[in-house]
Amino acid sequence: MTTELREALARVGVVLPSLHPDPVSYAHRYLPPLVELGCCTMGVARRLTAALAESPRASGEPSPPRQDTVAERLSIATAYVNARSRGERA
C-alpha cells in the first residue's frame, strides 16, 4: 500500500520521505496495520492540501475502506525489513 500511496502523491507533486509501513502494527492481532507518514515541510503540507482539495472526491462521498489481506501485510512487512537490512528507507 505504501508504494501505491507514494506513487499517487508523487503524481500530484508531493513527496513524503519518511513514508513507510509500521512493522510493529503488522504484528498486532486486533488493530489494523498502520502506515507511518512522518513529518513534512510546510510547503509539502500545502501541496498535499491543494491536491486533496482538487480531488474529484473532495466534494463527493468517501470510498469504502479497502480491506487488505494477510498476504499483503506480510509482503509489505517483508519488503520493509529487507529494505531496512540493506540500509535503505522503505
PDB file of N, CA and C in Angstrom:
ATOM      1  N   MET A   1       0.812  -1.198   0.000  1.00  0.00           N
ATOM      2  CA  MET A   1       0.000   0.000   0.000  1.00  0.00           C
ATOM      3  C   MET A   1       0.855   1.261   0.000  1.00  0.00           C
ATOM      4  N   THR A   2       2.001   1.218   0.666  1.00  0.00           N
ATOM      5  CA  THR A   2       2.820   2.430   0.706  1.00  0.00           C
ATOM      6  C   THR A   2       3.358   2.792  -0.667  1.00  0.00           C
ATOM      7  N   THR A   3       3.624   1.790  -1.499  1.00  0.00           N
ATOM      8  CA  THR A   3       4.113   2.069  -2.846  1.00  0.00           C
ATOM      9  C   THR A   3       3.059   2.819  -3.643  1.00  0.00           C
ATOM     10  N   GLU A   4       1.823   2.344  -3.572  1.00  0.00           N
ATOM     11  CA  GLU A   4       0.737   2.997  -4.296  1.00  0.00           C
ATOM     12  C   GLU A   4       0.515   4.416  -3.780  1.00  0.00           C
ATOM     13  N   LEU A   5       0.578   4.593  -2.467  1.00  0.00           N
ATOM     14  CA  LEU A   5       0.401   5.918  -1.880  1.00  0.00           C
ATOM     15  C   LEU A   5       1.528   6.844  -2.300  1.00  0.00           C
ATOM     16  N   ARG A   6       2.761   6.345  -2.241  1.00  0.00           N
ATOM     17  CA  ARG A   6       3.921   7.152  -2.640  1.00  0.00           C
ATOM     18  C   ARG A   6       3.784   7.584  -4.102  1.00  0.00           C
ATOM     19  N   GLU A   7       3.364   6.654  -4.987  1.00  0.00           N
ATOM     20  CA  GLU A   7       3.197   6.975  -6.411  1.00  0.00           C
ATOM     21  C   GLU A   7       2.066   7.976  -6.633  1.00  0.00           C
ATOM     22  N   ALA A   8       0.954   7.796  -5.928  1.00  0.00           N
ATOM     23  CA  ALA A   8      -0.175   8.718  -6.078  1.00  0.00           C
ATOM     24  C   ALA A   8       0.204  10.116  -5.603  1.00  0.00           C
ATOM     25  N   LEU A   9       0.923  10.201  -4.506  1.00  0.00           N
ATOM     26  CA  LEU A   9       1.361  11.504  -4.013  1.00  0.00           C
ATOM     27  C   LEU A   9       2.353  12.148  -4.986  1.00  0.00           C
ATOM     28  N   ALA A  10       3.246  11.348  -5.541  1.00  0.00           N
ATOM     29  CA  ALA A  10       4.225  11.882  -6.486  1.00  0.00           C
ATOM     30  C   ALA A  10       3.547  12.455  -7.725  1.00  0.00           C
ATOM     31  N   ARG A  11       2.440  11.848  -8.159  1.00  0.00           N
ATOM     32  CA  ARG A  11       1.728  12.350  -9.336  1.00  0.00           C
ATOM     33  C   ARG A  11       1.170  13.752  -9.123  1.00  0.00           C
ATOM     34  N   VAL A  12       0.955  14.140  -7.865  1.00  0.00           N
ATOM     35  CA  VAL A  12       0.453  15.489  -7.587  1.00  0.00           C
ATOM     36  C   VAL A  12       1.546  16.363  -6.959  1.00  0.00           C
ATOM     37  N   GLY A  13       2.799  15.910  -7.072  1.00  0.00           N
ATOM     38  CA  GLY A  13       3.925  16.726  -6.631  1.00  0.00           C
ATOM     39  C   GLY A  13       4.207  16.699  -5.147  1.00  0.00           C
ATOM     40  N   VAL A  14       3.778  15.653  -4.445  1.00  0.00           N
ATOM     41  CA  VAL A  14       4.003  15.560  -3.005  1.00  0.00           C
ATOM     42  C   VAL A  14       4.921  14.378  -2.716  1.00  0.00           C
ATOM     43  N   VAL A  15       6.001  14.624  -1.974  1.00  0.00           N
ATOM     44  CA  VAL A  15       6.933  13.570  -1.587  1.00  0.00           C
ATOM     45  C   VAL A  15       7.041  13.570  -0.068  1.00  0.00           C
ATOM     46  N   LEU A  16       6.691  12.448   0.545  1.00  0.00           N
ATOM     47  CA  LEU A  16       6.853  12.274   1.990  1.00  0.00           C
ATOM     48  C   LEU A  16       8.031  11.312   2.191  1.00  0.00           C
ATOM     49  N   PRO A  17       9.222  11.823   2.506  1.00  0.00           N
ATOM     50  CA  PRO A  17      10.420  10.982   2.568  1.00  0.00           C
ATOM     51  C   PRO A  17      10.354   9.865   3.603  1.00  0.00           C
ATOM     52  N   SER A  18       9.612  10.047   4.663  1.00  0.00           N
ATOM     53  CA  SER A  18       9.590   9.027   5.706  1.00  0.00           C
ATOM     54  C   SER A  18       8.358   8.130   5.635  1.00  0.00           C
ATOM     55  N   LEU A  19       7.685   8.084   4.504  1.00  0.00           N
ATOM     56  CA  LEU A  19       6.524   7.230   4.315  1.00  0.00           C
ATOM     57  C   LEU A  19       6.957   5.767   4.314  1.00  0.00           C
ATOM     58  N   HIS A  20       6.408   4.960   5.236  1.00  0.00           N
ATOM     59  CA  HIS A  20       6.710   3.527   5.276  1.00  0.00           C
ATOM     60  C   HIS A  20       5.677   2.801   6.135  1.00  0.00           C
ATOM     61  N   PRO A  21       5.560   1.486   5.955  1.00  0.00           N
ATOM     62  CA  PRO A  21       4.656   0.718   6.815  1.00  0.00           C
ATOM     63  C   PRO A  21       5.241   0.628   8.218  1.00  0.00           C
ATOM     64  N   ASP A  22       4.376   0.588   9.202  1.00  0.00           N
ATOM     65  CA  ASP A  22       4.808   0.450  10.589  1.00  0.00           C
ATOM     66  C   ASP A  22       4.879  -1.038  10.913  1.00  0.00           C
ATOM     67  N   PRO A  23       6.081  -1.612  11.016  1.00  0.00           N
ATOM     68  CA  PRO A  23       6.193  -3.063  11.200  1.00  0.00           C
ATOM     69  C   PRO A  23       5.596  -3.563  12.505  1.00  0.00           C
ATOM     70  N   VAL A  24       5.601  -2.742  13.539  1.00  0.00           N
ATOM     71  CA  VAL A  24       5.043  -3.176  14.822  1.00  0.00           C
ATOM     72  C   VAL A  24       3.538  -3.418  14.701  1.00  0.00           C
ATOM     73  N   SER A  25       2.844  -2.553  13.984  1.00  0.00           N
ATOM     74  CA  SER A  25       1.398  -2.705  13.873  1.00  0.00           C
ATOM     75  C   SER A  25       1.019  -3.932  13.041  1.00  0.00           C
ATOM     76  N   TYR A  26       1.919  -4.380  12.155  1.00  0.00           N
ATOM     77  CA  TYR A  26       1.624  -5.580  11.366  1.00  0.00           C
ATOM     78  C   TYR A  26       1.614  -6.829  12.229  1.00  0.00           C
ATOM     79  N   ALA A  27       2.285  -6.783  13.362  1.00  0.00           N
ATOM     80  CA  ALA A  27       2.329  -7.937  14.247  1.00  0.00           C
ATOM     81  C   ALA A  27       1.158  -7.952  15.228  1.00  0.00           C
ATOM     82  N   HIS A  28       0.410  -6.880  15.285  1.00  0.00           N
ATOM     83  CA  HIS A  28      -0.700  -6.789  16.246  1.00  0.00           C
ATOM     84  C   HIS A  28      -1.874  -7.627  15.777  1.00  0.00           C
ATOM     85  N   ARG A  29      -2.499  -8.345  16.694  1.00  0.00           N
ATOM     86  CA  ARG A  29      -3.580  -9.259  16.327  1.00  0.00           C
ATOM     87  C   ARG A  29      -4.919  -8.573  16.094  1.00  0.00           C
ATOM     88  N   TYR A  30      -5.180  -7.461  16.769  1.00  0.00           N
ATOM     89  CA  TYR A  30      -6.523  -6.895  16.744  1.00  0.00           C
ATOM     90  C   TYR A  30      -6.632  -5.534  16.068  1.00  0.00           C
ATOM     91  N   LEU A  31      -5.535  -4.823  15.994  1.00  0.00           N
ATOM     92  CA  LEU A  31      -5.577  -3.498  15.383  1.00  0.00           C
ATOM     93  C   LEU A  31      -5.130  -3.577  13.928  1.00  0.00           C
ATOM     94  N   PRO A  32      -5.664  -2.725  13.073  1.00  0.00           N
ATOM     95  CA  PRO A  32      -5.234  -2.754  11.671  1.00  0.00           C
ATOM     96  C   PRO A  32      -3.808  -2.234  11.541  1.00  0.00           C
ATOM     97  N   PRO A  33      -3.091  -2.650  10.491  1.00  0.00           N
ATOM     98  CA  PRO A  33      -1.732  -2.151  10.298  1.00  0.00           C
ATOM     99  C   PRO A  33      -1.743  -0.662   9.979  1.00  0.00           C
ATOM    100  N   LEU A  34      -0.680   0.002  10.368  1.00  0.00           N
ATOM    101  CA  LEU A  34      -0.570   1.447  10.186  1.00  0.00           C
ATOM    102  C   LEU A  34       0.486   1.781   9.144  1.00  0.00           C
ATOM    103  N   VAL A  35       0.333   2.936   8.546  1.00  0.00           N
ATOM    104  CA  VAL A  35       1.331   3.474   7.627  1.00  0.00           C
ATOM    105  C   VAL A  35       1.886   4.734   8.272  1.00  0.00           C
ATOM    106  N   GLU A  36       3.196   4.774   8.428  1.00  0.00           N
ATOM    107  CA  GLU A  36       3.861   5.931   9.008  1.00  0.00           C
ATOM    108  C   GLU A  36       4.056   6.971   7.916  1.00  0.00           C
ATOM    109  N   LEU A  37       3.406   8.127   8.061  1.00  0.00           N
ATOM    110  CA  LEU A  37       3.524   9.189   7.069  1.00  0.00           C
ATOM    111  C   LEU A  37       4.700  10.108   7.382  1.00  0.00           C
ATOM    112  N   GLY A  38       5.053  10.234   8.642  1.00  0.00           N
ATOM    113  CA  GLY A  38       6.202  11.030   9.026  1.00  0.00           C
ATOM    114  C   GLY A  38       5.966  12.524   8.946  1.00  0.00           C
ATOM    115  N   CYS A  39       7.031  13.258   9.069  1.00  0.00           N
ATOM    116  CA  CYS A  39       6.980  14.723   9.040  1.00  0.00           C
ATOM    117  C   CYS A  39       7.193  15.228   7.624  1.00  0.00           C
ATOM    118  N   CYS A  40       6.738  16.454   7.396  1.00  0.00           N
ATOM    119  CA  CYS A  40       6.977  17.086   6.100  1.00  0.00           C
ATOM    120  C   CYS A  40       7.085  18.590   6.316  1.00  0.00           C
ATOM    121  N   THR A  41       7.617  19.270   5.315  1.00  0.00           N
ATOM    122  CA  THR A  41       7.747  20.718   5.395  1.00  0.00           C
ATOM    123  C   THR A  41       6.382  21.372   5.196  1.00  0.00           C
ATOM    124  N   MET A  42       6.297  22.649   5.511  1.00  0.00           N
ATOM    125  CA  MET A  42       5.047  23.383   5.301  1.00  0.00           C
ATOM    126  C   MET A  42       4.687  23.416   3.814  1.00  0.00           C
ATOM    127  N   GLY A  43       5.692  23.510   2.957  1.00  0.00           N
ATOM    128  CA  GLY A  43       5.438  23.512   1.517  1.00  0.00           C
ATOM    129  C   GLY A  43       4.796  22.214   1.045  1.00  0.00           C
ATOM    130  N   VAL A  44       5.308  21.097   1.546  1.00  0.00           N
ATOM    131  CA  VAL A  44       4.727  19.799   1.191  1.00  0.00           C
ATOM    132  C   VAL A  44       3.306  19.706   1.736  1.00  0.00           C
ATOM    133  N   ALA A  45       3.092  20.174   2.953  1.00  0.00           N
ATOM    134  CA  ALA A  45       1.747  20.154   3.535  1.00  0.00           C
ATOM    135  C   ALA A  45       0.782  20.986   2.696  1.00  0.00           C
ATOM    136  N   ARG A  46       1.246  22.125   2.190  1.00  0.00           N
ATOM    137  CA  ARG A  46       0.392  22.965   1.333  1.00  0.00           C
ATOM    138  C   ARG A  46       0.053  22.259   0.022  1.00  0.00           C
ATOM    139  N   ARG A  47       1.067  21.594  -0.585  1.00  0.00           N
ATOM    140  CA  ARG A  47       0.812  20.867  -1.836  1.00  0.00           C
ATOM    141  C   ARG A  47      -0.144  19.705  -1.604  1.00  0.00           C
ATOM    142  N   LEU A  48       0.007  19.033  -0.489  1.00  0.00           N
ATOM    143  CA  LEU A  48      -0.890  17.926  -0.155  1.00  0.00           C
ATOM    144  C   LEU A  48      -2.310  18.433   0.044  1.00  0.00           C
ATOM    145  N   THR A  49      -2.466  19.534   0.745  1.00  0.00           N
ATOM    146  CA  THR A  49      -3.783  20.135   0.957  1.00  0.00           C
ATOM    147  C   THR A  49      -4.415  20.546  -0.366  1.00  0.00           C
ATOM    148  N   ALA A  50      -3.629  21.178  -1.232  1.00  0.00           N
ATOM    149  CA  ALA A  50      -4.143  21.597  -2.543  1.00  0.00           C
ATOM    150  C   ALA A  50      -4.547  20.394  -3.385  1.00  0.00           C
ATOM    151  N   ALA A  51      -3.734  19.338  -3.364  1.00  0.00           N
ATOM    152  CA  ALA A  51      -4.053  18.139  -4.147  1.00  0.00           C
ATOM    153  C   ALA A  51      -5.339  17.492  -3.652  1.00  0.00           C
ATOM    154  N   LEU A  52      -5.528  17.448  -2.354  1.00  0.00           N
ATOM    155  CA  LEU A  52      -6.757  16.868  -1.802  1.00  0.00           C
ATOM    156  C   LEU A  52      -7.967  17.737  -2.130  1.00  0.00           C
ATOM    157  N   ALA A  53      -7.781  19.041  -2.100  1.00  0.00           N
ATOM    158  CA  ALA A  53      -8.892  19.941  -2.402  1.00  0.00           C
ATOM    159  C   ALA A  53      -9.318  19.835  -3.862  1.00  0.00           C
ATOM    160  N   GLU A  54      -8.383  19.525  -4.754  1.00  0.00           N
ATOM    161  CA  GLU A  54      -8.682  19.405  -6.178  1.00  0.00           C
ATOM    162  C   GLU A  54      -9.200  18.025  -6.562  1.00  0.00           C
ATOM    163  N   SER A  55      -9.161  17.095  -5.647  1.00  0.00           N
ATOM    164  CA  SER A  55      -9.586  15.726  -5.925  1.00  0.00           C
ATOM    165  C   SER A  55     -11.062  15.677  -6.308  1.00  0.00           C
ATOM    166  N   PRO A  56     -11.423  14.830  -7.291  1.00  0.00           N
ATOM    167  CA  PRO A  56     -12.833  14.712  -7.671  1.00  0.00           C
ATOM    168  C   PRO A  56     -13.710  14.242  -6.511  1.00  0.00           C
ATOM    169  N   ARG A  57     -13.123  13.540  -5.580  1.00  0.00           N
ATOM    170  CA  ARG A  57     -13.885  13.047  -4.433  1.00  0.00           C
ATOM    171  C   ARG A  57     -13.963  14.058  -3.300  1.00  0.00           C
ATOM    172  N   ALA A  58     -13.315  15.209  -3.452  1.00  0.00           N
ATOM    173  CA  ALA A  58     -13.289  16.195  -2.370  1.00  0.00           C
ATOM    174  C   ALA A  58     -14.685  16.620  -1.955  1.00  0.00           C
ATOM    175  N   SER A  59     -15.605  16.686  -2.894  1.00  0.00           N
ATOM    176  CA  SER A  59     -16.962  17.100  -2.543  1.00  0.00           C
ATOM    177  C   SER A  59     -17.940  15.936  -2.540  1.00  0.00           C
ATOM    178  N   GLY A  60     -17.484  14.772  -2.974  1.00  0.00           N
ATOM    179  CA  GLY A  60     -18.359  13.604  -3.034  1.00  0.00           C
ATOM    180  C   GLY A  60     -18.260  12.743  -1.789  1.00  0.00           C
ATOM    181  N   GLU A  61     -18.880  11.589  -1.857  1.00  0.00           N
ATOM    182  CA  GLU A  61     -18.838  10.662  -0.725  1.00  0.00           C
ATOM    183  C   GLU A  61     -17.512   9.918  -0.713  1.00  0.00           C
ATOM    184  N   PRO A  62     -17.025   9.608   0.474  1.00  0.00           N
ATOM    185  CA  PRO A  62     -15.768   8.869   0.549  1.00  0.00           C
ATOM    186  C   PRO A  62     -15.954   7.434   0.062  1.00  0.00           C
ATOM    187  N   SER A  63     -14.888   6.884  -0.494  1.00  0.00           N
ATOM    188  CA  SER A  63     -14.959   5.491  -0.922  1.00  0.00           C
ATOM    189  C   SER A  63     -14.864   4.587   0.306  1.00  0.00           C
ATOM    190  N   PRO A  64     -15.400   3.379   0.220  1.00  0.00           N
ATOM    191  CA  PRO A  64     -15.331   2.480   1.373  1.00  0.00           C
ATOM    192  C   PRO A  64     -13.882   2.084   1.648  1.00  0.00           C
ATOM    193  N   PRO A  65     -13.561   1.812   2.912  1.00  0.00           N
ATOM    194  CA  PRO A  65     -12.179   1.441   3.223  1.00  0.00           C
ATOM    195  C   PRO A  65     -11.802   0.131   2.537  1.00  0.00           C
ATOM    196  N   ARG A  66     -10.577   0.074   2.069  1.00  0.00           N
ATOM    197  CA  ARG A  66     -10.084  -1.125   1.394  1.00  0.00           C
ATOM    198  C   ARG A  66      -9.649  -2.143   2.436  1.00  0.00           C
ATOM    199  N   GLN A  67     -10.030  -3.376   2.249  1.00  0.00           N
ATOM    200  CA  GLN A  67      -9.637  -4.440   3.164  1.00  0.00           C
ATOM    201  C   GLN A  67      -8.397  -5.135   2.614  1.00  0.00           C
ATOM    202  N   ASP A  68      -7.296  -5.080   3.349  1.00  0.00           N
ATOM    203  CA  ASP A  68      -6.097  -5.751   2.871  1.00  0.00           C
ATOM    204  C   ASP A  68      -6.057  -7.190   3.386  1.00  0.00           C
ATOM    205  N   THR A  69      -5.216  -7.988   2.791  1.00  0.00           N
ATOM    206  CA  THR A  69      -5.118  -9.393   3.151  1.00  0.00           C
ATOM    207  C   THR A  69      -3.887  -9.634   4.001  1.00  0.00           C
ATOM    208  N   VAL A  70      -3.865 -10.781   4.655  1.00  0.00           N
ATOM    209  CA  VAL A  70      -2.708 -11.156   5.462  1.00  0.00           C
ATOM    210  C   VAL A  70      -1.480 -11.271   4.562  1.00  0.00           C
ATOM    211  N   ALA A  71      -1.663 -11.829   3.356  1.00  0.00           N
ATOM    212  CA  ALA A  71      -0.540 -11.968   2.428  1.00  0.00           C
ATOM    213  C   ALA A  71       0.022 -10.598   2.058  1.00  0.00           C
ATOM    214  N   GLU A  72      -0.852  -9.615   1.851  1.00  0.00           N
ATOM    215  CA  GLU A  72      -0.388  -8.271   1.510  1.00  0.00           C
ATOM    216  C   GLU A  72       0.374  -7.655   2.686  1.00  0.00           C
ATOM    217  N   ARG A  73      -0.128  -7.849   3.892  1.00  0.00           N
ATOM    218  CA  ARG A  73       0.570  -7.334   5.071  1.00  0.00           C
ATOM    219  C   ARG A  73       1.955  -7.947   5.195  1.00  0.00           C
ATOM    220  N   LEU A  74       2.031  -9.257   4.996  1.00  0.00           N
ATOM    221  CA  LEU A  74       3.312  -9.949   5.091  1.00  0.00           C
ATOM    222  C   LEU A  74       4.272  -9.462   4.019  1.00  0.00           C
ATOM    223  N   SER A  75       3.776  -9.267   2.813  1.00  0.00           N
ATOM    224  CA  SER A  75       4.602  -8.779   1.714  1.00  0.00           C
ATOM    225  C   SER A  75       5.165  -7.395   2.022  1.00  0.00           C
ATOM    226  N   ILE A  76       4.328  -6.517   2.538  1.00  0.00           N
ATOM    227  CA  ILE A  76       4.765  -5.159   2.860  1.00  0.00           C
ATOM    228  C   ILE A  76       5.777  -5.181   3.997  1.00  0.00           C
ATOM    229  N   ALA A  77       5.488  -5.954   5.025  1.00  0.00           N
ATOM    230  CA  ALA A  77       6.404  -6.033   6.163  1.00  0.00           C
ATOM    231  C   ALA A  77       7.744  -6.615   5.739  1.00  0.00           C
ATOM    232  N   THR A  78       7.714  -7.634   4.877  1.00  0.00           N
ATOM    233  CA  THR A  78       8.948  -8.249   4.390  1.00  0.00           C
ATOM    234  C   THR A  78       9.762  -7.248   3.574  1.00  0.00           C
ATOM    235  N   ALA A  79       9.097  -6.512   2.703  1.00  0.00           N
ATOM    236  CA  ALA A  79       9.794  -5.503   1.900  1.00  0.00           C
ATOM    237  C   ALA A  79      10.429  -4.446   2.795  1.00  0.00           C
ATOM    238  N   TYR A  80       9.704  -4.046   3.839  1.00  0.00           N
ATOM    239  CA  TYR A  80      10.225  -3.048   4.767  1.00  0.00           C
ATOM    240  C   TYR A  80      11.468  -3.577   5.479  1.00  0.00           C
ATOM    241  N   VAL A  81      11.379  -4.780   6.014  1.00  0.00           N
ATOM    242  CA  VAL A  81      12.503  -5.365   6.750  1.00  0.00           C
ATOM    243  C   VAL A  81      13.699  -5.547   5.828  1.00  0.00           C
ATOM    244  N   ASN A  82      13.460  -6.025   4.606  1.00  0.00           N
ATOM    245  CA  ASN A  82      14.562  -6.207   3.652  1.00  0.00           C
ATOM    246  C   ASN A  82      15.228  -4.881   3.317  1.00  0.00           C
ATOM    247  N   ALA A  83      14.433  -3.849   3.079  1.00  0.00           N
ATOM    248  CA  ALA A  83      14.997  -2.536   2.764  1.00  0.00           C
ATOM    249  C   ALA A  83      15.812  -2.008   3.937  1.00  0.00           C
ATOM    250  N   ARG A  84      15.270  -2.154   5.130  1.00  0.00           N
ATOM    251  CA  ARG A  84      15.994  -1.662   6.316  1.00  0.00           C
ATOM    252  C   ARG A  84      17.303  -2.427   6.513  1.00  0.00           C
ATOM    253  N   SER A  85      17.292  -3.744   6.231  1.00  0.00           N
ATOM    254  CA  SER A  85      18.515  -4.522   6.410  1.00  0.00           C
ATOM    255  C   SER A  85      19.591  -4.107   5.408  1.00  0.00           C
ATOM    256  N   ARG A  86      19.176  -3.536   4.268  1.00  0.00           N
ATOM    257  CA  ARG A  86      20.129  -3.017   3.274  1.00  0.00           C
ATOM    258  C   ARG A  86      20.490  -1.559   3.566  1.00  0.00           C
ATOM    259  N   GLY A  87      19.940  -1.006   4.618  1.00  0.00           N
ATOM    260  CA  GLY A  87      20.247   0.369   4.992  1.00  0.00           C
ATOM    261  C   GLY A  87      19.440   1.394   4.229  1.00  0.00           C
ATOM    262  N   GLU A  88      18.363   0.948   3.563  1.00  0.00           N
ATOM    263  CA  GLU A  88      17.508   1.852   2.787  1.00  0.00           C
ATOM    264  C   GLU A  88      16.333   2.302   3.625  1.00  0.00           C
ATOM    265  N   ARG A  89      15.716   3.378   3.187  1.00  0.00           N
ATOM    266  CA  ARG A  89      14.441   3.793   3.777  1.00  0.00           C
ATOM    267  C   ARG A  89      13.355   3.189   2.921  1.00  0.00           C
ATOM    268  N   ALA A  90      12.466   2.436   3.528  1.00  0.00           N
ATOM    269  CA  ALA A  90      11.406   1.765   2.761  1.00  0.00           C
ATOM    270  C   ALA A  90      10.268   2.698   2.473  1.00  0.00           C
TER     271      ALA A  90
END
